[in-house]
């Protein structure tokens, strides 16, 4: 049975994107924090919601665990508002709702709640007046946290590592997207597929890229994120690679991604 909470939709205004793939190690968090940084550099006011209990996006944006006074867990449980949880970061215009290990409890605590899939959407309902961009870093699973993200956004960005099993498991993600469209969020779309960890010296990377483009067509971004040591080093310094080494190939690729995303938005205006 569909409740009033299920049929109501949060105001549209800010671009709302979830970065998701149930496979770990594909570059979700790296993409989230660098895309957010690039958008903030364009003077967009950006909110990142770290919805992964590992809290890697929080760490990567320079917020240590001891400073995470209020987290995404507190927001989902209704203890604080998004405004109360949001923290400023080193990047001007970029704000973060941090995460920590307490978020692991949300799966169990929400399972019997009638609004379990809409907690995040409802908490985010008023943010469009303040933020231009919302990015949600999802955990590497298709559980209730990712469902909350999908119900709260307009689009998914799917990072895909250039490795042999790149497409394995994506059919499950696509089925989940269809179920979310049918039951929770009819507006959800695939914004784009991003090829990550591309090694131009490796023939396999080129083969995987070709397979992914054949499968997803124009949904695949032209921009490809290379395998780059500076990208790997940056999180340990609490910085996006765009701040850590803006001249590195990884940083340049992420800035190109920002430009490509903005260009696509101009070419295909929102309905």
Protein backbone atom coordinates (compact mmCIF):
# COMPACT_ATOMS: atom_id res chain seq x y z
CA UNK A 1 0.00 0.00 0.00
CA UNK A 2 1.37 3.42 -0.92
CA UNK A 3 1.34 5.99 1.87
CA UNK A 4 1.14 9.77 1.58
CA UNK A 5 4.84 9.86 2.48
CA UNK A 6 5.58 7.66 -0.50
CA UNK A 7 3.66 9.73 -3.01
CA UNK A 8 4.98 13.13 -1.93
CA UNK A 9 8.18 14.29 -3.58
CA UNK A 10 10.76 16.70 -2.22
CA UNK A 11 11.01 20.04 -3.98
CA UNK A 12 13.10 19.99 -7.15
CA UNK A 13 15.80 22.59 -7.52
CA UNK A 14 19.27 21.42 -6.61
CA UNK A 15 20.80 18.75 -8.83
CA UNK A 16 20.56 15.55 -6.78
CA UNK A 17 22.95 12.76 -7.70
CA UNK A 18 23.80 9.50 -5.94
CA UNK A 19 27.15 7.93 -6.74
CA UNK A 20 26.45 4.21 -6.53
CA UNK A 21 27.75 0.77 -7.38
CA UNK A 22 27.38 -2.21 -5.07
CA UNK A 23 30.88 -3.33 -6.01
CA UNK A 24 33.55 -1.84 -3.76
CA UNK A 25 36.82 -0.28 -4.86
CA UNK A 26 35.50 1.26 -8.08
CA UNK A 27 36.08 4.90 -7.17
CA UNK A 28 32.72 5.97 -5.74
CA UNK A 29 34.12 8.07 -2.94
CA UNK A 30 36.98 9.49 -4.99
CA UNK A 31 34.49 10.52 -7.66
CA UNK A 32 32.10 12.03 -5.12
CA UNK A 33 34.61 14.26 -3.39
CA UNK A 34 36.40 15.39 -6.54
CA UNK A 35 33.20 16.04 -8.48
CA UNK A 36 31.96 18.04 -5.48
CA UNK A 37 35.22 20.00 -5.35
CA UNK A 38 35.10 20.71 -9.07
CA UNK A 39 31.51 21.93 -8.86
CA UNK A 40 32.37 24.13 -5.88
CA UNK A 41 35.22 25.62 -7.94
CA UNK A 42 32.55 26.75 -10.40
CA UNK A 43 30.95 28.67 -7.51
CA UNK A 44 28.20 26.14 -7.02
CA UNK A 45 27.11 25.58 -3.42
CA UNK A 46 27.53 21.85 -2.88
CA UNK A 47 26.38 19.42 -0.18
CA UNK A 48 27.92 15.96 0.08
CA UNK A 49 26.07 13.37 2.17
CA UNK A 50 28.41 10.58 3.27
CA UNK A 51 26.08 7.58 3.44
CA UNK A 52 28.83 4.97 3.77
CA UNK A 53 29.48 3.75 7.35
CA UNK A 54 33.19 3.60 6.51
CA UNK A 55 33.15 7.41 6.36
CA UNK A 56 35.74 7.61 3.60
CA UNK A 57 34.20 10.69 1.98
CA UNK A 58 34.36 12.44 5.35
CA UNK A 59 38.01 11.52 5.76
CA UNK A 60 38.78 12.46 2.17
CA UNK A 61 37.33 15.91 2.74
CA UNK A 62 39.52 16.42 5.81
CA UNK A 63 36.98 15.80 8.59
CA UNK A 64 38.49 13.47 11.23
CA UNK A 65 36.21 11.17 13.22
CA UNK A 66 36.57 13.20 16.41
CA UNK A 67 35.07 16.27 14.71
CA UNK A 68 31.98 14.50 13.35
CA UNK A 69 29.61 15.85 15.99
CA UNK A 70 26.46 15.00 14.05
CA UNK A 71 26.35 12.43 11.26
CA UNK A 72 24.13 10.98 8.56
CA UNK A 73 22.99 8.44 11.14
CA UNK A 74 21.63 11.24 13.34
CA UNK A 75 19.87 12.75 10.33
CA UNK A 76 18.22 9.45 9.37
CA UNK A 77 17.11 8.85 12.96
CA UNK A 78 15.61 12.34 13.20
CA UNK A 79 17.93 13.48 16.00
CA UNK A 80 19.18 16.49 14.01
CA UNK A 81 18.35 18.29 10.80
CA UNK A 82 20.53 18.31 7.71
CA UNK A 83 21.45 21.92 8.49
CA UNK A 84 22.59 20.94 11.98
CA UNK A 85 24.70 18.06 10.68
CA UNK A 86 26.27 19.84 7.70
CA UNK A 87 29.88 20.95 8.19
CA UNK A 88 31.99 23.31 6.14
CA UNK A 89 35.11 21.87 4.54
CA UNK A 90 38.43 23.24 3.35
CA UNK A 91 36.82 23.78 -0.05
CA UNK A 92 34.86 27.06 -0.17
CA UNK A 93 31.21 26.39 -0.91
CA UNK A 94 31.47 22.66 -0.18
CA UNK A 95 29.62 21.25 2.83
CA UNK A 96 29.46 17.74 4.23
CA UNK A 97 27.07 15.63 6.27
CA UNK A 98 29.66 13.23 7.67
CA UNK A 99 29.39 9.56 8.49
CA UNK A 100 30.83 7.13 10.99
CA UNK A 101 30.45 3.51 12.02
CA UNK A 102 27.15 4.21 13.83
CA UNK A 103 25.50 4.27 10.41
CA UNK A 104 25.81 0.48 10.26
CA UNK A 105 22.99 0.34 12.81
CA UNK A 106 20.58 2.17 10.53
CA UNK A 107 19.92 -0.96 8.44
CA UNK A 108 18.50 -2.80 11.48
CA UNK A 109 16.87 0.17 13.16
CA UNK A 110 14.92 1.22 10.06
CA UNK A 111 13.82 -2.20 8.85
CA UNK A 112 10.40 -2.05 10.56
CA UNK A 113 9.73 1.65 9.95
CA UNK A 114 6.99 2.40 7.42
CA UNK A 115 9.01 5.32 6.02
CA UNK A 116 12.31 3.41 6.00
CA UNK A 117 12.99 4.10 2.29
CA UNK A 118 12.17 7.82 2.52
CA UNK A 119 13.98 8.97 5.64
CA UNK A 120 16.76 10.71 3.73
CA UNK A 121 14.47 12.16 1.05
CA UNK A 122 12.21 13.70 3.67
CA UNK A 123 15.14 15.08 5.68
CA UNK A 124 16.55 16.70 2.54
CA UNK A 125 13.25 18.28 1.51
CA UNK A 126 14.23 21.85 2.38
CA UNK A 127 17.83 22.01 1.17
CA UNK A 128 17.10 23.19 -2.37
CA UNK A 129 16.86 26.77 -1.17
CA UNK A 130 20.48 26.74 -0.01
CA UNK A 131 22.41 24.24 -2.15
CA UNK A 132 22.86 24.06 -5.90
CA UNK A 133 24.23 20.51 -5.93
CA UNK A 134 23.63 17.45 -3.76
CA UNK A 135 25.93 14.43 -4.03
CA UNK A 136 25.39 11.26 -2.02
CA UNK A 137 28.25 8.80 -1.56
CA UNK A 138 26.59 5.38 -1.28
CA UNK A 139 27.94 2.29 0.50
CA UNK A 140 29.12 -0.71 -1.59
CA UNK A 141 25.81 -2.56 -1.19
CA UNK A 142 22.19 -2.39 -2.30
CA UNK A 143 20.71 -2.26 1.19
CA UNK A 144 18.43 0.26 2.85
CA UNK A 145 21.03 3.05 2.86
CA UNK A 146 21.46 2.91 -0.91
CA UNK A 147 17.68 2.63 -1.29
CA UNK A 148 17.32 5.84 0.74
CA UNK A 149 19.80 7.54 -1.56
CA UNK A 150 17.99 6.39 -4.71
CA UNK A 151 14.66 7.55 -3.33
CA UNK A 152 16.12 10.99 -2.56
CA UNK A 153 17.83 11.86 -5.85
CA UNK A 154 17.01 12.46 -9.48
CA UNK A 155 19.91 10.54 -10.97
CA UNK A 156 22.65 7.97 -10.46
CA UNK A 157 26.25 8.29 -11.48
CA UNK A 158 27.84 4.83 -11.71
CA UNK A 159 31.65 4.57 -11.46
CA UNK A 160 32.93 1.45 -13.21
CA UNK A 161 36.48 0.18 -12.79
CA UNK A 162 38.25 -0.90 -15.97
CA UNK A 163 38.82 -4.49 -14.95
CA UNK A 164 37.75 -7.93 -16.14
CA UNK A 165 34.62 -8.16 -13.96
CA UNK A 166 33.52 -4.57 -14.57
CA UNK A 167 30.04 -5.43 -15.83
CA UNK A 168 29.50 -8.26 -13.36
CA UNK A 169 26.82 -7.30 -10.87
CA UNK A 170 25.59 -4.31 -12.84
CA UNK A 171 22.51 -6.24 -13.92
CA UNK A 172 21.56 -6.45 -10.24
CA UNK A 173 22.03 -2.70 -9.89
CA UNK A 174 19.84 -2.11 -12.96
CA UNK A 175 17.10 -4.34 -11.51
CA UNK A 176 17.27 -2.36 -8.29
CA UNK A 177 16.93 0.89 -10.23
CA UNK A 178 13.83 -0.45 -11.98
CA UNK A 179 12.28 -1.49 -8.66
CA UNK A 180 13.01 1.93 -7.18
CA UNK A 181 11.38 3.60 -10.19
CA UNK A 182 8.32 1.41 -9.89
CA UNK A 183 7.85 1.69 -6.13
CA UNK A 184 9.67 4.69 -4.71
CA UNK A 185 10.99 7.25 -7.19
CA UNK A 186 9.68 7.33 -10.78
CA UNK A 187 12.02 10.25 -11.58
CA UNK A 188 15.21 8.24 -11.02
CA UNK A 189 17.47 8.05 -14.07
CA UNK A 190 20.97 6.93 -14.93
CA UNK A 191 22.88 10.18 -15.29
CA UNK A 192 26.03 8.53 -16.54
CA UNK A 193 28.58 5.75 -16.30
CA UNK A 194 32.13 6.78 -15.47
CA UNK A 195 35.10 4.61 -16.39
CA UNK A 196 37.69 4.70 -13.61
CA UNK A 197 41.20 3.36 -12.95
CA UNK A 198 41.94 3.22 -16.65
CA UNK A 199 45.46 2.05 -17.49
CA UNK A 200 46.38 2.99 -21.06
CA UNK A 201 49.31 0.54 -20.95
CA UNK A 202 46.91 -2.32 -20.30
CA UNK A 203 45.06 -3.77 -23.28
CA UNK A 204 42.35 -5.04 -20.94
CA UNK A 205 41.39 -1.50 -19.95
CA UNK A 206 40.70 -0.62 -23.58
CA UNK A 207 38.70 -3.81 -24.08
CA UNK A 208 36.60 -3.20 -20.97
CA UNK A 209 35.99 0.41 -22.00
CA UNK A 210 34.80 -0.74 -25.42
CA UNK A 211 32.46 -3.33 -23.84
CA UNK A 212 30.97 -0.79 -21.45
CA UNK A 213 30.39 1.74 -24.25
CA UNK A 214 28.75 -0.97 -26.36
CA UNK A 215 26.46 -1.82 -23.46
CA UNK A 216 25.54 1.67 -22.20
CA UNK A 217 26.10 3.79 -25.31
CA UNK A 218 25.92 7.54 -24.81
CA UNK A 219 25.37 7.13 -21.06
CA UNK A 220 29.11 6.52 -20.74
CA UNK A 221 31.06 9.72 -20.22
CA UNK A 222 33.75 10.56 -22.74
CA UNK A 223 35.97 11.45 -19.80
CA UNK A 224 37.94 8.51 -18.40
CA UNK A 225 39.64 8.61 -14.99
CA UNK A 226 43.16 7.17 -15.26
CA UNK A 227 44.90 5.00 -12.72
CA UNK A 228 47.01 7.62 -10.97
CA UNK A 229 49.14 7.47 -7.83
CA UNK A 230 48.23 11.02 -6.81
CA UNK A 231 44.54 10.08 -6.76
CA UNK A 232 45.42 7.19 -4.42
CA UNK A 233 47.57 9.36 -2.15
CA UNK A 234 45.19 12.27 -1.75
CA UNK A 235 42.71 10.74 0.78
CA UNK A 236 45.49 9.98 3.26
CA UNK A 237 46.14 13.73 3.32
CA UNK A 238 42.47 14.52 3.85
CA UNK A 239 42.16 16.24 0.49
CA UNK A 240 40.52 15.66 -2.88
CA UNK A 241 43.15 15.19 -5.58
CA UNK A 242 41.99 18.49 -7.06
CA UNK A 243 43.52 20.16 -4.00
CA UNK A 244 46.33 17.70 -3.35
CA UNK A 245 47.84 17.94 -6.84
CA UNK A 246 45.73 19.86 -9.31
CA UNK A 247 48.24 19.25 -12.11
CA UNK A 248 48.10 15.47 -11.85
CA UNK A 249 46.43 13.43 -14.58
CA UNK A 250 43.73 12.33 -12.12
CA UNK A 251 42.88 15.89 -11.13
CA UNK A 252 42.79 17.04 -14.74
CA UNK A 253 40.47 14.14 -15.60
CA UNK A 254 38.04 15.03 -12.81
CA UNK A 255 37.94 18.65 -13.90
CA UNK A 256 37.19 17.44 -17.42
CA UNK A 257 34.37 15.31 -15.98
CA UNK A 258 32.86 18.37 -14.31
CA UNK A 259 32.98 20.25 -17.61
CA UNK A 260 31.41 17.31 -19.46
CA UNK A 261 28.59 16.97 -16.95
CA UNK A 262 27.82 20.68 -17.14
CA UNK A 263 27.93 20.58 -20.94
CA UNK A 264 25.47 17.68 -21.03
CA UNK A 265 23.12 19.62 -18.78
CA UNK A 266 23.20 22.52 -21.23
CA UNK A 267 22.62 20.24 -24.22
CA UNK A 268 19.72 18.39 -22.55
CA UNK A 269 17.79 20.85 -20.37
CA UNK A 270 15.94 19.38 -17.39
CA UNK A 271 12.25 18.78 -18.01
